[in-house]
């Protein structure tokens, strides 16, 4: 029986990992997701305006500096998550996953084709969804590496 989160929503059932291969596969997925998120937070941080010469008021600049601090903190957390997943991969004798998140497949829940900042499919909703992906990862259908359901 699944429990409930403090906000009243039902929590997701735990994922059962039964083989080393499943563990390696899921940790590889985690590395791809963390790497993709890390790049997006850094992109956002480096994209912020940094002076009044760029057409922002002193008040707006102050807000942007606060956003930059937050984005850097989140990027550091993503780096830590990536390092932890990589360390676990190494501990179980697997090679670290250094592949970037895929943008053309269904494997990475946070990546979809064409949804980069500036692309036609990029929106505030996309940014909001991606920024909360660590806390609210969509439920994935469990797949066996052997191809059996």
N, C-alpha and C. Protein backbone atom coordinates (compact mmCIF):
# COMPACT_ATOMS: atom_id res chain seq x y z
N UNK A 1 0.84 -1.18 0.00
CA UNK A 1 0.00 0.00 0.00
C UNK A 1 0.88 1.24 0.00
N UNK A 2 0.65 2.10 -0.94
CA UNK A 2 1.44 3.32 -1.06
C UNK A 2 1.04 4.31 0.03
N UNK A 3 2.02 5.06 0.52
CA UNK A 3 1.75 6.08 1.52
C UNK A 3 1.32 7.38 0.88
N UNK A 4 1.27 8.41 1.70
CA UNK A 4 0.87 9.73 1.20
C UNK A 4 1.95 10.74 1.55
N UNK A 5 2.12 11.70 0.67
CA UNK A 5 3.05 12.80 0.90
C UNK A 5 2.38 13.80 1.84
N UNK A 6 3.17 14.71 2.42
CA UNK A 6 2.57 15.72 3.30
C UNK A 6 1.49 16.55 2.63
N UNK A 7 1.55 16.71 1.30
CA UNK A 7 0.54 17.52 0.61
C UNK A 7 -0.72 16.71 0.29
N UNK A 8 -0.79 15.46 0.75
CA UNK A 8 -1.98 14.65 0.55
C UNK A 8 -1.96 13.79 -0.69
N UNK A 9 -1.00 14.01 -1.60
CA UNK A 9 -0.92 13.20 -2.81
C UNK A 9 -0.36 11.82 -2.47
N UNK A 10 -0.87 10.82 -3.17
CA UNK A 10 -0.36 9.47 -2.97
C UNK A 10 1.07 9.40 -3.49
N UNK A 11 1.95 8.75 -2.73
CA UNK A 11 3.32 8.60 -3.20
C UNK A 11 3.40 7.43 -4.18
N UNK A 12 4.41 7.49 -5.04
CA UNK A 12 4.58 6.43 -6.02
C UNK A 12 5.15 5.20 -5.34
N UNK A 13 4.79 4.01 -5.83
CA UNK A 13 5.37 2.80 -5.24
C UNK A 13 6.86 2.76 -5.52
N UNK A 14 7.64 2.15 -4.64
CA UNK A 14 9.08 2.08 -4.88
C UNK A 14 9.40 1.22 -6.10
N UNK A 15 10.49 1.56 -6.77
CA UNK A 15 10.94 0.78 -7.92
C UNK A 15 11.74 -0.40 -7.40
N UNK A 16 11.41 -1.59 -7.89
CA UNK A 16 12.18 -2.78 -7.50
C UNK A 16 13.24 -3.03 -8.55
N UNK A 17 14.47 -3.05 -8.11
CA UNK A 17 15.59 -3.35 -8.99
C UNK A 17 16.08 -4.73 -8.60
N UNK A 18 15.94 -5.68 -9.52
CA UNK A 18 16.21 -7.08 -9.19
C UNK A 18 17.55 -7.58 -9.71
N UNK A 19 18.16 -6.90 -10.65
CA UNK A 19 19.43 -7.37 -11.20
C UNK A 19 20.42 -6.22 -11.28
N UNK A 20 21.68 -6.59 -11.36
CA UNK A 20 22.73 -5.59 -11.53
C UNK A 20 22.52 -4.83 -12.83
N UNK A 21 22.11 -5.54 -13.87
CA UNK A 21 21.89 -4.90 -15.17
C UNK A 21 20.81 -3.82 -15.08
N UNK A 22 19.74 -4.10 -14.34
CA UNK A 22 18.69 -3.09 -14.16
C UNK A 22 19.24 -1.88 -13.41
N UNK A 23 20.04 -2.14 -12.37
CA UNK A 23 20.64 -1.05 -11.60
C UNK A 23 21.53 -0.18 -12.49
N UNK A 24 22.37 -0.83 -13.28
CA UNK A 24 23.27 -0.09 -14.18
C UNK A 24 22.46 0.72 -15.19
N UNK A 25 21.41 0.11 -15.74
CA UNK A 25 20.56 0.80 -16.71
C UNK A 25 19.92 2.04 -16.08
N UNK A 26 19.32 1.88 -14.92
CA UNK A 26 18.62 3.00 -14.27
C UNK A 26 19.59 4.08 -13.80
N UNK A 27 20.76 3.68 -13.34
CA UNK A 27 21.76 4.69 -12.96
C UNK A 27 22.25 5.45 -14.19
N UNK A 28 22.35 4.75 -15.33
CA UNK A 28 22.70 5.43 -16.58
C UNK A 28 21.64 6.45 -16.96
N UNK A 29 20.36 6.06 -16.79
CA UNK A 29 19.26 6.99 -17.03
C UNK A 29 19.39 8.21 -16.11
N UNK A 30 19.67 7.95 -14.84
CA UNK A 30 19.81 9.04 -13.87
C UNK A 30 20.94 9.98 -14.28
N UNK A 31 22.06 9.41 -14.72
CA UNK A 31 23.18 10.24 -15.16
C UNK A 31 22.78 11.13 -16.34
N UNK A 32 22.06 10.55 -17.31
CA UNK A 32 21.63 11.34 -18.46
C UNK A 32 20.70 12.48 -18.05
N UNK A 33 19.76 12.18 -17.17
CA UNK A 33 18.82 13.20 -16.71
C UNK A 33 19.54 14.30 -15.94
N UNK A 34 20.39 13.90 -15.00
CA UNK A 34 21.12 14.90 -14.20
C UNK A 34 22.02 15.75 -15.08
N UNK A 35 22.69 15.13 -16.05
CA UNK A 35 23.56 15.88 -16.95
C UNK A 35 22.74 16.88 -17.77
N UNK A 36 21.60 16.43 -18.28
CA UNK A 36 20.74 17.32 -19.05
C UNK A 36 20.23 18.49 -18.24
N UNK A 37 19.79 18.21 -17.01
CA UNK A 37 19.30 19.29 -16.14
C UNK A 37 20.42 20.26 -15.78
N UNK A 38 21.59 19.71 -15.48
CA UNK A 38 22.74 20.53 -15.14
C UNK A 38 23.05 21.52 -16.26
N UNK A 39 23.07 21.03 -17.48
CA UNK A 39 23.36 21.90 -18.63
C UNK A 39 22.30 23.00 -18.78
N UNK A 40 21.05 22.65 -18.55
CA UNK A 40 19.99 23.65 -18.70
C UNK A 40 20.06 24.72 -17.62
N UNK A 41 20.36 24.33 -16.39
CA UNK A 41 20.49 25.34 -15.33
C UNK A 41 21.69 26.25 -15.60
N UNK A 42 22.80 25.67 -16.06
CA UNK A 42 23.96 26.50 -16.38
C UNK A 42 23.67 27.42 -17.56
N UNK A 43 22.95 26.92 -18.56
CA UNK A 43 22.57 27.75 -19.70
C UNK A 43 21.74 28.94 -19.22
N UNK A 44 20.77 28.65 -18.36
CA UNK A 44 19.92 29.72 -17.83
C UNK A 44 20.75 30.73 -17.04
N UNK A 45 21.66 30.24 -16.23
CA UNK A 45 22.48 31.13 -15.41
C UNK A 45 23.36 32.01 -16.28
N UNK A 46 23.99 31.45 -17.29
CA UNK A 46 24.86 32.23 -18.16
C UNK A 46 24.08 33.15 -19.10
N UNK A 47 22.77 32.93 -19.24
CA UNK A 47 21.94 33.75 -20.12
C UNK A 47 21.40 35.00 -19.44
N UNK A 48 21.52 35.09 -18.12
CA UNK A 48 20.99 36.25 -17.41
C UNK A 48 21.78 37.51 -17.73
N UNK A 49 21.07 38.61 -17.79
CA UNK A 49 21.71 39.91 -18.01
C UNK A 49 22.45 40.30 -16.73
N UNK A 50 23.57 41.02 -16.92
CA UNK A 50 24.42 41.31 -15.77
C UNK A 50 24.68 42.79 -15.53
N UNK A 51 24.11 43.65 -16.37
CA UNK A 51 24.33 45.09 -16.14
C UNK A 51 23.17 45.90 -16.70
N UNK A 52 23.09 47.14 -16.24
CA UNK A 52 22.07 48.04 -16.73
C UNK A 52 22.23 48.36 -18.20
N UNK A 53 23.44 48.17 -18.73
CA UNK A 53 23.70 48.41 -20.16
C UNK A 53 22.92 47.44 -21.04
N UNK A 54 22.41 46.38 -20.45
CA UNK A 54 21.67 45.38 -21.21
C UNK A 54 20.17 45.62 -21.19
N UNK A 55 19.76 46.81 -20.74
CA UNK A 55 18.36 47.20 -20.81
C UNK A 55 17.50 46.79 -19.64
N UNK A 56 18.10 46.61 -18.47
CA UNK A 56 17.32 46.26 -17.28
C UNK A 56 17.50 47.34 -16.21
N UNK A 57 16.48 47.49 -15.41
CA UNK A 57 16.53 48.49 -14.33
C UNK A 57 17.36 47.93 -13.16
N UNK A 58 17.80 48.80 -12.26
CA UNK A 58 18.53 48.32 -11.08
C UNK A 58 17.72 47.32 -10.26
N UNK A 59 16.41 47.53 -10.15
CA UNK A 59 15.55 46.60 -9.42
C UNK A 59 15.52 45.23 -10.11
N UNK A 60 15.37 45.24 -11.43
CA UNK A 60 15.37 43.98 -12.19
C UNK A 60 16.72 43.28 -12.08
N UNK A 61 17.78 44.04 -12.11
CA UNK A 61 19.13 43.49 -12.00
C UNK A 61 19.32 42.81 -10.64
N UNK A 62 18.77 43.42 -9.61
CA UNK A 62 18.85 42.83 -8.27
C UNK A 62 18.14 41.48 -8.23
N UNK A 63 16.96 41.41 -8.86
CA UNK A 63 16.24 40.14 -8.93
C UNK A 63 17.03 39.10 -9.73
N UNK A 64 17.63 39.53 -10.82
CA UNK A 64 18.40 38.61 -11.66
C UNK A 64 19.61 38.06 -10.92
N UNK A 65 20.22 38.88 -10.08
CA UNK A 65 21.36 38.41 -9.29
C UNK A 65 20.91 37.36 -8.28
N UNK A 66 19.73 37.53 -7.72
CA UNK A 66 19.18 36.52 -6.81
C UNK A 66 18.88 35.23 -7.58
N UNK A 67 18.32 35.37 -8.78
CA UNK A 67 18.05 34.19 -9.61
C UNK A 67 19.34 33.47 -9.94
N UNK A 68 20.38 34.24 -10.24
CA UNK A 68 21.67 33.63 -10.58
C UNK A 68 22.19 32.80 -9.42
N UNK A 69 22.10 33.32 -8.22
CA UNK A 69 22.54 32.57 -7.04
C UNK A 69 21.76 31.27 -6.91
N UNK A 70 20.45 31.35 -7.10
CA UNK A 70 19.60 30.16 -7.02
C UNK A 70 19.97 29.15 -8.10
N UNK A 71 20.15 29.63 -9.33
CA UNK A 71 20.50 28.73 -10.43
C UNK A 71 21.84 28.05 -10.20
N UNK A 72 22.81 28.78 -9.66
CA UNK A 72 24.12 28.18 -9.36
C UNK A 72 23.97 27.12 -8.28
N UNK A 73 23.18 27.40 -7.25
CA UNK A 73 22.95 26.41 -6.19
C UNK A 73 22.31 25.15 -6.74
N UNK A 74 21.32 25.30 -7.61
CA UNK A 74 20.65 24.14 -8.20
C UNK A 74 21.62 23.38 -9.10
N UNK A 75 22.42 24.08 -9.89
CA UNK A 75 23.41 23.41 -10.75
C UNK A 75 24.39 22.60 -9.91
N UNK A 76 24.80 23.13 -8.77
CA UNK A 76 25.70 22.39 -7.87
C UNK A 76 25.02 21.12 -7.37
N UNK A 77 23.73 21.21 -7.05
CA UNK A 77 22.99 20.03 -6.60
C UNK A 77 22.94 18.98 -7.71
N UNK A 78 22.71 19.43 -8.95
CA UNK A 78 22.67 18.49 -10.07
C UNK A 78 24.03 17.84 -10.28
N UNK A 79 25.11 18.61 -10.08
CA UNK A 79 26.46 18.04 -10.17
C UNK A 79 26.65 16.97 -9.11
N UNK A 80 26.17 17.23 -7.91
CA UNK A 80 26.27 16.25 -6.83
C UNK A 80 25.48 14.99 -7.18
N UNK A 81 24.26 15.15 -7.69
CA UNK A 81 23.45 13.99 -8.07
C UNK A 81 24.16 13.17 -9.14
N UNK A 82 24.75 13.84 -10.12
CA UNK A 82 25.49 13.15 -11.19
C UNK A 82 26.69 12.41 -10.60
N UNK A 83 27.41 13.06 -9.69
CA UNK A 83 28.57 12.42 -9.06
C UNK A 83 28.16 11.20 -8.25
N UNK A 84 27.05 11.30 -7.52
CA UNK A 84 26.59 10.17 -6.72
C UNK A 84 26.20 8.98 -7.60
N UNK A 85 25.45 9.25 -8.66
CA UNK A 85 25.06 8.16 -9.57
C UNK A 85 26.29 7.53 -10.22
N UNK A 86 27.26 8.36 -10.60
CA UNK A 86 28.50 7.86 -11.20
C UNK A 86 29.29 7.04 -10.20
N UNK A 87 29.36 7.49 -8.95
CA UNK A 87 30.07 6.73 -7.92
C UNK A 87 29.43 5.38 -7.67
N UNK A 88 28.11 5.32 -7.68
CA UNK A 88 27.43 4.03 -7.48
C UNK A 88 27.71 3.12 -8.67
N UNK A 89 27.68 3.66 -9.89
CA UNK A 89 28.02 2.85 -11.07
C UNK A 89 29.42 2.26 -10.92
N UNK A 90 30.36 3.08 -10.51
CA UNK A 90 31.74 2.61 -10.32
C UNK A 90 31.81 1.55 -9.23
N UNK A 91 31.06 1.75 -8.15
CA UNK A 91 31.07 0.81 -7.03
C UNK A 91 30.56 -0.57 -7.41
N UNK A 92 29.65 -0.64 -8.38
CA UNK A 92 29.13 -1.95 -8.81
C UNK A 92 29.89 -2.48 -10.02
N UNK A 93 31.00 -1.84 -10.35
CA UNK A 93 31.87 -2.33 -11.41
C UNK A 93 31.45 -1.95 -12.82
N UNK A 94 30.61 -0.95 -12.95
CA UNK A 94 30.18 -0.49 -14.28
C UNK A 94 30.95 0.77 -14.66
N UNK A 95 30.99 1.02 -15.94
CA UNK A 95 31.65 2.24 -16.42
C UNK A 95 30.76 3.44 -16.15
N UNK A 96 31.35 4.57 -15.79
CA UNK A 96 30.54 5.78 -15.61
C UNK A 96 29.85 6.16 -16.91
N UNK A 97 28.66 6.71 -16.79
CA UNK A 97 27.89 7.14 -17.96
C UNK A 97 28.21 8.60 -18.22
N UNK A 98 28.84 8.87 -19.35
CA UNK A 98 29.16 10.27 -19.68
C UNK A 98 28.41 10.74 -20.92
N UNK A 99 27.38 9.99 -21.32
CA UNK A 99 26.58 10.40 -22.48
C UNK A 99 25.66 11.54 -22.07
N UNK A 100 25.49 12.53 -22.94
CA UNK A 100 24.50 13.58 -22.64
C UNK A 100 23.09 13.02 -22.78
N UNK A 101 22.15 13.66 -22.15
CA UNK A 101 20.76 13.22 -22.23
C UNK A 101 20.30 13.25 -23.69
N UNK A 102 19.53 12.27 -24.07
CA UNK A 102 19.04 12.19 -25.44
C UNK A 102 17.88 13.15 -25.63
N UNK A 103 17.80 13.75 -26.79
CA UNK A 103 16.71 14.67 -27.08
C UNK A 103 15.76 14.10 -28.12
N UNK A 104 16.06 12.95 -28.66
CA UNK A 104 15.22 12.43 -29.73
C UNK A 104 14.53 11.13 -29.36
N UNK A 105 14.62 10.70 -28.13
CA UNK A 105 14.03 9.43 -27.75
C UNK A 105 13.12 9.57 -26.56
N UNK A 106 12.60 8.44 -26.13
CA UNK A 106 11.69 8.43 -25.00
C UNK A 106 12.40 8.09 -23.70
N UNK A 107 13.68 7.78 -23.75
CA UNK A 107 14.37 7.33 -22.55
C UNK A 107 14.39 8.38 -21.45
N UNK A 108 14.79 9.58 -21.74
CA UNK A 108 14.91 10.59 -20.69
C UNK A 108 13.62 11.38 -20.57
N UNK A 109 13.04 11.33 -19.39
CA UNK A 109 11.73 11.95 -19.17
C UNK A 109 11.77 13.47 -19.34
N UNK A 110 12.92 14.08 -19.13
CA UNK A 110 12.97 15.54 -19.19
C UNK A 110 13.33 16.08 -20.56
N UNK A 111 13.69 15.23 -21.51
CA UNK A 111 14.16 15.71 -22.81
C UNK A 111 13.18 15.36 -23.91
N UNK A 112 12.80 16.34 -24.68
CA UNK A 112 11.94 16.10 -25.83
C UNK A 112 12.55 16.79 -27.04
N UNK A 113 12.32 16.22 -28.19
CA UNK A 113 12.91 16.77 -29.42
C UNK A 113 12.48 18.21 -29.63
N UNK A 114 13.43 19.05 -29.91
CA UNK A 114 13.14 20.42 -30.28
C UNK A 114 12.81 21.37 -29.15
N UNK A 115 12.78 20.92 -27.91
CA UNK A 115 12.39 21.83 -26.84
C UNK A 115 13.62 22.39 -26.14
N UNK A 116 14.31 23.27 -26.84
CA UNK A 116 15.45 24.01 -26.29
C UNK A 116 15.04 25.47 -26.19
N UNK A 117 15.66 26.21 -25.30
CA UNK A 117 15.34 27.63 -25.25
C UNK A 117 15.49 28.25 -26.64
N UNK A 118 14.50 29.01 -27.04
CA UNK A 118 14.53 29.66 -28.34
C UNK A 118 13.87 28.85 -29.44
N UNK A 119 13.55 27.58 -29.18
CA UNK A 119 12.90 26.78 -30.21
C UNK A 119 11.39 27.02 -30.17
N UNK A 120 10.68 26.70 -31.23
CA UNK A 120 9.23 26.96 -31.27
C UNK A 120 8.46 26.26 -30.16
N UNK A 121 8.96 25.13 -29.66
CA UNK A 121 8.21 24.39 -28.64
C UNK A 121 8.61 24.79 -27.22
N UNK A 122 9.56 25.69 -27.06
CA UNK A 122 9.97 26.13 -25.73
C UNK A 122 8.92 27.09 -25.18
N UNK A 123 8.54 26.91 -23.93
CA UNK A 123 7.54 27.78 -23.32
C UNK A 123 7.79 27.88 -21.83
N UNK A 124 7.06 28.74 -21.19
CA UNK A 124 7.15 28.85 -19.74
C UNK A 124 6.76 27.53 -19.09
N UNK A 125 5.75 26.86 -19.67
CA UNK A 125 5.33 25.57 -19.14
C UNK A 125 6.46 24.54 -19.24
N UNK A 126 7.18 24.54 -20.35
CA UNK A 126 8.32 23.63 -20.51
C UNK A 126 9.36 23.92 -19.45
N UNK A 127 9.69 25.16 -19.23
CA UNK A 127 10.68 25.53 -18.22
C UNK A 127 10.21 25.11 -16.83
N UNK A 128 8.94 25.36 -16.52
CA UNK A 128 8.40 25.00 -15.21
C UNK A 128 8.45 23.48 -15.02
N UNK A 129 8.06 22.74 -16.05
CA UNK A 129 8.05 21.28 -15.97
C UNK A 129 9.47 20.75 -15.76
N UNK A 130 10.42 21.30 -16.49
CA UNK A 130 11.80 20.83 -16.36
C UNK A 130 12.41 21.22 -15.03
N UNK A 131 12.08 22.39 -14.54
CA UNK A 131 12.68 22.84 -13.28
C UNK A 131 12.19 22.03 -12.10
N UNK A 132 11.07 21.36 -12.24
CA UNK A 132 10.56 20.56 -11.13
C UNK A 132 10.72 19.07 -11.38
N UNK A 133 11.47 18.68 -12.40
CA UNK A 133 11.54 17.26 -12.75
C UNK A 133 12.20 16.41 -11.68
N UNK A 134 13.14 16.96 -10.90
CA UNK A 134 13.74 16.18 -9.83
C UNK A 134 12.72 15.84 -8.76
N UNK A 135 11.85 16.78 -8.44
CA UNK A 135 10.89 16.56 -7.36
C UNK A 135 9.66 15.81 -7.82
N UNK A 136 9.31 15.95 -9.08
CA UNK A 136 8.06 15.39 -9.56
C UNK A 136 8.28 14.57 -10.83
N UNK A 137 9.24 13.68 -10.79
CA UNK A 137 9.52 12.87 -11.98
C UNK A 137 8.28 12.06 -12.33
N UNK A 138 7.92 12.03 -13.62
CA UNK A 138 6.74 11.27 -14.01
C UNK A 138 6.93 9.78 -13.76
N UNK A 139 5.85 9.11 -13.46
CA UNK A 139 5.90 7.67 -13.23
C UNK A 139 6.28 6.99 -14.53
N UNK A 140 7.30 6.14 -14.46
CA UNK A 140 7.73 5.42 -15.65
C UNK A 140 7.25 3.98 -15.56
N UNK A 141 6.90 3.46 -16.69
CA UNK A 141 6.52 2.06 -16.74
C UNK A 141 7.80 1.25 -16.59
N UNK A 142 7.80 0.28 -15.68
CA UNK A 142 8.99 -0.52 -15.43
C UNK A 142 9.25 -1.42 -16.62
N UNK A 143 10.49 -1.42 -17.08
CA UNK A 143 10.87 -2.25 -18.21
C UNK A 143 11.98 -3.19 -17.78
N UNK A 144 11.90 -4.39 -18.21
CA UNK A 144 12.94 -5.36 -17.92
C UNK A 144 13.98 -5.30 -19.03
N UNK A 145 15.23 -5.43 -18.67
CA UNK A 145 16.29 -5.40 -19.67
C UNK A 145 16.24 -6.62 -20.58
N UNK A 146 15.66 -7.71 -20.09
CA UNK A 146 15.58 -8.91 -20.91
C UNK A 146 14.46 -8.82 -21.94
N UNK A 147 13.66 -7.76 -21.89
CA UNK A 147 12.57 -7.59 -22.85
C UNK A 147 11.26 -8.16 -22.36
N UNK A 148 11.25 -8.79 -21.19
CA UNK A 148 10.02 -9.34 -20.63
C UNK A 148 9.34 -8.27 -19.80
N UNK A 149 8.02 -8.28 -19.76
CA UNK A 149 7.28 -7.30 -18.95
C UNK A 149 7.14 -7.76 -17.53
